Amino acid sequence: GHWYGSVKPWILVFKNQSSNLHNPDIANYMGYGALGGGYRYGKYDVDLMARSIKHPTFRLNITFPLYGVMSGFIQLFSGYGQSLIEYDHYTNAIGIGLRANV
């Protein structure tokens, strides 16, 4: 059909000296996995990702055809961990871009 889903579990691998110094609470913000799902209609895709119960995070991606092999891309993000540098900062963001479908 047109629906799809994903489950992405992960474990955090720590080296005590490094993780205690740089990011001791990353598991509280990033969690131990992400759930995703979406809908594909022709060349249009809409998908949603959700992660972490303690610090909820959501990402919505919308992809649409432009010209030839080029597609447009819009991303809405709300939560923690958009980048690992600021994993413990809450962020609301909108991104746009291009994608080549080769």
C-alpha atoms as a PDB file:
ATOM      1  CA  GLY A   1       0.000   0.000   0.000  1.00  0.00           C
ATOM      2  CA  HIS A   2       0.882   3.586   0.491  1.00  0.00           C
ATOM      3  CA  TRP A   3       1.638   3.427   4.228  1.00  0.00           C
ATOM      4  CA  TYR A   4       5.002   2.566   5.751  1.00  0.00           C
ATOM      5  CA  GLY A   5       6.489   2.468   9.233  1.00  0.00           C
ATOM      6  CA  SER A   6       9.758   2.021  11.062  1.00  0.00           C
ATOM      7  CA  VAL A   7      11.059   1.162  14.504  1.00  0.00           C
ATOM      8  CA  LYS A   8      14.661   2.211  15.198  1.00  0.00           C
ATOM      9  CA  PRO A   9      15.952   1.016  18.572  1.00  0.00           C
ATOM     10  CA  TRP A  10      19.469   1.837  19.707  1.00  0.00           C
ATOM     11  CA  ILE A  11      21.736   1.472  22.679  1.00  0.00           C
ATOM     12  CA  LEU A  12      24.111   4.130  23.885  1.00  0.00           C
ATOM     13  CA  VAL A  13      27.741   3.065  24.027  1.00  0.00           C
ATOM     14  CA  PHE A  14      29.643   4.995  26.663  1.00  0.00           C
ATOM     15  CA  LYS A  15      33.248   5.365  27.641  1.00  0.00           C
ATOM     16  CA  ASN A  16      33.019   6.476  31.265  1.00  0.00           C
ATOM     17  CA  GLN A  17      35.588   9.257  31.168  1.00  0.00           C
ATOM     18  CA  SER A  18      34.200  10.839  27.983  1.00  0.00           C
ATOM     19  CA  SER A  19      30.442  10.489  28.576  1.00  0.00           C
ATOM     20  CA  ASN A  20      30.596  11.725  32.174  1.00  0.00           C
ATOM     21  CA  LEU A  21      32.491  14.796  31.015  1.00  0.00           C
ATOM     22  CA  HIS A  22      30.648  15.732  27.796  1.00  0.00           C
ATOM     23  CA  ASN A  23      27.105  14.344  27.773  1.00  0.00           C
ATOM     24  CA  PRO A  24      26.150  12.398  30.900  1.00  0.00           C
ATOM     25  CA  ASP A  25      22.384  12.835  30.396  1.00  0.00           C
ATOM     26  CA  ILE A  26      22.088  12.225  26.641  1.00  0.00           C
ATOM     27  CA  ALA A  27      19.898   9.127  27.152  1.00  0.00           C
ATOM     28  CA  ASN A  28      17.305  11.291  28.958  1.00  0.00           C
ATOM     29  CA  TYR A  29      16.995  13.509  25.875  1.00  0.00           C
ATOM     30  CA  MET A  30      17.579  11.122  22.958  1.00  0.00           C
ATOM     31  CA  GLY A  31      15.895   8.058  24.430  1.00  0.00           C
ATOM     32  CA  TYR A  32      16.565   4.536  23.219  1.00  0.00           C
ATOM     33  CA  GLY A  33      14.824   4.564  19.869  1.00  0.00           C
ATOM     34  CA  ALA A  34      12.450   6.263  17.473  1.00  0.00           C
ATOM     35  CA  LEU A  35       9.138   5.384  15.879  1.00  0.00           C
ATOM     36  CA  GLY A  36       8.310   6.543  12.405  1.00  0.00           C
ATOM     37  CA  GLY A  37       5.690   6.214   9.771  1.00  0.00           C
ATOM     38  CA  GLY A  38       4.486   7.829   6.643  1.00  0.00           C
ATOM     39  CA  TYR A  39       2.336   7.865   3.588  1.00  0.00           C
ATOM     40  CA  ARG A  40       3.453   7.794  -0.046  1.00  0.00           C
ATOM     41  CA  TYR A  41       1.120   8.996  -2.760  1.00  0.00           C
ATOM     42  CA  GLY A  42       2.740   8.847  -6.189  1.00  0.00           C
ATOM     43  CA  LYS A  43       5.850  11.007  -5.926  1.00  0.00           C
ATOM     44  CA  TYR A  44       4.710  12.737  -2.717  1.00  0.00           C
ATOM     45  CA  ASP A  45       5.936  11.557   0.699  1.00  0.00           C
ATOM     46  CA  VAL A  46       4.842  12.647   4.169  1.00  0.00           C
ATOM     47  CA  ASP A  47       6.493  11.030   7.171  1.00  0.00           C
ATOM     48  CA  LEU A  48       6.591  11.594  10.913  1.00  0.00           C
ATOM     49  CA  MET A  49       9.208  10.542  13.481  1.00  0.00           C
ATOM     50  CA  ALA A  50       8.676  10.534  17.253  1.00  0.00           C
ATOM     51  CA  ARG A  51      11.337   9.912  19.898  1.00  0.00           C
ATOM     52  CA  SER A  52      11.774   9.947  23.695  1.00  0.00           C
ATOM     53  CA  ILE A  53       9.069   9.909  26.344  1.00  0.00           C
ATOM     54  CA  LYS A  54      10.818  12.155  28.898  1.00  0.00           C
ATOM     55  CA  HIS A  55      11.633  14.848  26.313  1.00  0.00           C
ATOM     56  CA  PRO A  56       9.230  14.362  23.380  1.00  0.00           C
ATOM     57  CA  THR A  57      10.631  15.085  19.932  1.00  0.00           C
ATOM     58  CA  PHE A  58       8.835  15.124  16.587  1.00  0.00           C
ATOM     59  CA  ARG A  59       9.985  15.570  12.996  1.00  0.00           C
ATOM     60  CA  LEU A  60       7.690  15.918   9.973  1.00  0.00           C
ATOM     61  CA  ASN A  61       9.141  15.566   6.463  1.00  0.00           C
ATOM     62  CA  ILE A  62       7.298  16.435   3.255  1.00  0.00           C
ATOM     63  CA  THR A  63       8.856  15.617  -0.125  1.00  0.00           C
ATOM     64  CA  PHE A  64       7.340  16.707  -3.443  1.00  0.00           C
ATOM     65  CA  PRO A  65       8.435  16.586  -7.105  1.00  0.00           C
ATOM     66  CA  LEU A  66       9.894  19.691  -8.753  1.00  0.00           C
ATOM     67  CA  TYR A  67      11.474  18.990 -12.133  1.00  0.00           C
ATOM     68  CA  GLY A  68      13.003  15.855 -13.594  1.00  0.00           C
ATOM     69  CA  VAL A  69      14.939  14.053 -10.877  1.00  0.00           C
ATOM     70  CA  MET A  70      14.779  17.002  -8.456  1.00  0.00           C
ATOM     71  CA  SER A  71      12.423  17.026  -5.480  1.00  0.00           C
ATOM     72  CA  GLY A  72      11.657  19.700  -2.919  1.00  0.00           C
ATOM     73  CA  PHE A  73      11.904  18.941   0.777  1.00  0.00           C
ATOM     74  CA  ILE A  74      10.329  20.612   3.813  1.00  0.00           C
ATOM     75  CA  GLN A  75      11.107  19.567   7.379  1.00  0.00           C
ATOM     76  CA  LEU A  76       9.402  20.689  10.586  1.00  0.00           C
ATOM     77  CA  PHE A  77      11.203  19.811  13.837  1.00  0.00           C
ATOM     78  CA  SER A  78      10.136  20.264  17.444  1.00  0.00           C
ATOM     79  CA  GLY A  79      12.011  18.824  20.395  1.00  0.00           C
ATOM     80  CA  TYR A  80      15.481  17.881  21.530  1.00  0.00           C
ATOM     81  CA  GLY A  81      18.498  16.555  19.677  1.00  0.00           C
ATOM     82  CA  GLN A  82      18.174  18.124  16.260  1.00  0.00           C
ATOM     83  CA  SER A  83      21.974  18.163  16.434  1.00  0.00           C
ATOM     84  CA  LEU A  84      24.136  16.258  18.893  1.00  0.00           C
ATOM     85  CA  ILE A  85      25.959  19.443  19.868  1.00  0.00           C
ATOM     86  CA  GLU A  86      22.737  20.814  21.384  1.00  0.00           C
ATOM     87  CA  TYR A  87      21.028  17.541  22.315  1.00  0.00           C
ATOM     88  CA  ASP A  88      19.727  19.042  25.583  1.00  0.00           C
ATOM     89  CA  HIS A  89      18.269  22.264  24.081  1.00  0.00           C
ATOM     90  CA  TYR A  90      14.645  22.496  22.961  1.00  0.00           C
ATOM     91  CA  THR A  91      14.345  23.573  19.317  1.00  0.00           C
ATOM     92  CA  ASN A  92      11.559  24.452  16.905  1.00  0.00           C
ATOM     93  CA  ALA A  93      12.833  24.594  13.335  1.00  0.00           C
ATOM     94  CA  ILE A  94      11.746  24.650   9.713  1.00  0.00           C
ATOM     95  CA  GLY A  95      14.070  23.470   6.963  1.00  0.00           C
ATOM     96  CA  ILE A  96      13.777  23.485   3.192  1.00  0.00           C
ATOM     97  CA  GLY A  97      15.949  21.889   0.583  1.00  0.00           C
ATOM     98  CA  LEU A  98      16.406  19.984  -2.643  1.00  0.00           C
ATOM     99  CA  ARG A  99      16.886  16.274  -3.195  1.00  0.00           C
ATOM    100  CA  ALA A 100      18.046  14.457  -6.334  1.00  0.00           C
ATOM    101  CA  ASN A 101      16.227  11.183  -6.946  1.00  0.00           C
ATOM    102  CA  VAL A 102      18.873   9.146  -8.744  1.00  0.00           C
END
